[in-house]
Amino acid sequence: MAGRSPSDIDCRIAARVGAARAEAGLKQCDLAQALGVSPAQFQKYEKGQNRISAGALQVLADRIGQPITAFFDTAEGC
C-alpha cells in the first residue's frame, strides 16, 4: 500500500504526538532516537506527512508516560 496518503485519523494522531511530546518537555531528536528514525522522519510523523506504526506509538507512549490511547483522544488534525 505504498503511496497512500495519511488519513484524517493519521493527522489527528500526528497532532497529538506533537502535543504530548511538547507537554512532556521532550525534544523531537530524543524521541526519534528512541524509535530508531531520523529527526527529519520524526518531524514528518508529527506533521502528519508520514504514518506512524502502532509499535512506534507504543514506544512513544512509554517514553512520554501516557497510555497509547492518549494519542486517539483529540479532534485536532493537520
Protein backbone atom coordinates (compact mmCIF):
# COMPACT_ATOMS: atom_id res chain seq x y z
CA MET A 1 0.00 0.00 0.00
CA ALA A 2 2.87 2.33 -0.69
CA GLY A 3 1.97 5.83 -1.71
CA ARG A 4 -1.21 6.11 0.34
CA SER A 5 -1.69 9.50 1.92
CA PRO A 6 -2.23 9.78 5.66
CA SER A 7 -5.93 9.72 6.58
CA ASP A 8 -7.76 12.09 8.91
CA ILE A 9 -7.11 9.79 11.87
CA ASP A 10 -3.41 9.72 10.98
CA CYS A 11 -3.40 13.51 11.05
CA ARG A 12 -5.17 13.63 14.41
CA ILE A 13 -2.70 11.13 15.88
CA ALA A 14 0.20 13.16 14.47
CA ALA A 15 -1.09 16.33 16.12
CA ARG A 16 -1.50 14.52 19.43
CA VAL A 17 2.01 13.05 19.23
CA GLY A 18 3.44 16.55 18.83
CA ALA A 19 1.33 17.97 21.65
CA ALA A 20 2.16 15.11 24.02
CA ARG A 21 5.88 15.40 23.26
CA ALA A 22 5.84 19.14 23.94
CA GLU A 23 3.81 18.70 27.14
CA ALA A 24 6.36 16.15 28.34
CA GLY A 25 9.20 18.59 27.62
CA LEU A 26 10.92 16.20 25.21
CA LYS A 27 12.78 17.03 22.01
CA GLN A 28 11.98 15.53 18.64
CA CYS A 29 15.55 14.23 18.35
CA ASP A 30 15.24 12.32 21.64
CA LEU A 31 12.09 10.51 20.56
CA ALA A 32 13.48 9.96 17.06
CA GLN A 33 16.44 8.18 18.62
CA ALA A 34 14.12 6.05 20.78
CA LEU A 35 12.30 4.96 17.62
CA GLY A 36 15.46 4.45 15.58
CA VAL A 37 14.47 7.03 12.97
CA SER A 38 16.00 10.32 11.89
CA PRO A 39 14.81 13.60 13.42
CA ALA A 40 13.50 14.52 9.96
CA GLN A 41 11.38 11.35 9.86
CA PHE A 42 10.03 12.02 13.34
CA GLN A 43 9.12 15.55 12.27
CA LYS A 44 7.17 14.06 9.35
CA TYR A 45 5.28 11.90 11.84
CA GLU A 46 4.33 14.98 13.86
CA LYS A 47 3.27 16.90 10.77
CA GLY A 48 1.14 14.01 9.55
CA GLN A 49 3.20 13.66 6.38
CA ASN A 50 4.09 10.04 7.16
CA ARG A 51 2.13 7.43 9.08
CA ILE A 52 3.42 6.18 12.39
CA SER A 53 3.11 2.49 13.26
CA ALA A 54 1.26 1.12 16.27
CA GLY A 55 4.54 -0.23 17.62
CA ALA A 56 6.15 3.20 17.39
CA LEU A 57 3.13 4.75 19.12
CA GLN A 58 3.60 2.30 22.00
CA VAL A 59 7.28 3.25 22.34
CA LEU A 60 6.29 6.95 22.36
CA ALA A 61 3.56 6.36 24.93
CA ASP A 62 6.05 4.60 27.20
CA ARG A 63 8.63 7.39 26.82
CA ILE A 64 6.06 10.15 27.36
CA GLY A 65 4.44 8.35 30.28
CA GLN A 66 0.94 8.18 28.83
CA PRO A 67 -1.24 5.29 27.70
CA ILE A 68 -1.28 4.65 23.97
CA THR A 69 -4.95 5.64 23.96
CA ALA A 70 -3.90 9.23 24.67
CA PHE A 71 -2.97 9.56 21.01
CA PHE A 72 -6.56 8.87 19.99
CA ASP A 73 -8.28 11.35 22.34
CA THR A 74 -8.18 14.50 20.26
CA ALA A 75 -10.02 16.02 17.32
CA GLU A 76 -7.04 18.09 16.17
CA GLY A 77 -5.81 17.46 12.67
CA CYS A 78 -3.36 18.59 10.03
